[in-house]
């Protein structure tokens, strides 16, 4: 369900945050992700220089 490619993952996560979840924590709960899975997603996005911006609720 969750893309493995970092660019596709970025698009998927930001779309989910925009359309369905008001925070990264709610996204984690809504997609039933473990802490380790969420950490892996964040690390994968950081590799392509995207970090979560809480004020904007997106990876930028």
Protein backbone atom coordinates (compact mmCIF):
# COMPACT_ATOMS: atom_id res chain seq x y z
CA UNK A 1 0.00 0.00 0.00
CA UNK A 2 2.75 2.47 0.90
CA UNK A 3 5.16 3.17 -1.98
CA UNK A 4 8.79 2.17 -1.56
CA UNK A 5 10.27 4.68 -4.02
CA UNK A 6 11.18 7.84 -2.04
CA UNK A 7 9.61 10.30 -4.51
CA UNK A 8 6.39 8.30 -4.74
CA UNK A 9 6.45 7.95 -0.95
CA UNK A 10 6.75 11.73 -0.58
CA UNK A 11 3.73 12.27 -2.81
CA UNK A 12 1.70 9.61 -1.01
CA UNK A 13 2.51 10.85 2.50
CA UNK A 14 1.94 14.53 1.70
CA UNK A 15 -1.36 13.71 -0.01
CA UNK A 16 -2.47 11.71 3.02
CA UNK A 17 -1.47 14.55 5.34
CA UNK A 18 -3.27 17.13 3.20
CA UNK A 19 -6.46 15.15 2.65
CA UNK A 20 -6.90 12.93 5.69
CA UNK A 21 -4.67 13.68 8.68
CA UNK A 22 -3.88 16.83 10.63
CA UNK A 23 -0.61 15.51 12.04
CA UNK A 24 2.09 12.93 11.47
CA UNK A 25 0.95 11.10 14.62
CA UNK A 26 -2.62 10.81 13.31
CA UNK A 27 -1.28 9.55 9.97
CA UNK A 28 0.74 6.90 11.81
CA UNK A 29 -2.33 5.79 13.75
CA UNK A 30 -4.66 5.98 10.74
CA UNK A 31 -2.40 3.83 8.59
CA UNK A 32 -1.69 1.47 11.50
CA UNK A 33 2.06 2.05 11.28
CA UNK A 34 4.42 0.98 14.03
CA UNK A 35 6.90 3.43 15.48
CA UNK A 36 9.65 1.66 13.52
CA UNK A 37 7.73 1.88 10.24
CA UNK A 38 7.08 5.59 10.76
CA UNK A 39 10.74 6.16 11.57
CA UNK A 40 11.75 4.32 8.38
CA UNK A 41 9.42 6.53 6.31
CA UNK A 42 10.84 9.69 7.86
CA UNK A 43 14.42 8.50 7.27
CA UNK A 44 13.66 7.58 3.66
CA UNK A 45 12.27 11.07 3.03
CA UNK A 46 15.22 12.72 4.75
CA UNK A 47 17.54 10.90 2.31
CA UNK A 48 15.95 12.97 -0.49
CA UNK A 49 16.22 16.13 1.70
CA UNK A 50 12.61 16.35 2.86
CA UNK A 51 11.81 16.99 6.50
CA UNK A 52 8.45 17.18 8.22
CA UNK A 53 7.22 20.72 8.80
CA UNK A 54 4.67 20.59 11.59
CA UNK A 55 3.30 24.09 10.92
CA UNK A 56 2.54 23.18 7.30
CA UNK A 57 1.73 19.53 8.08
CA UNK A 58 3.82 18.32 5.17
CA UNK A 59 7.26 17.15 4.21
CA UNK A 60 9.07 20.03 2.59
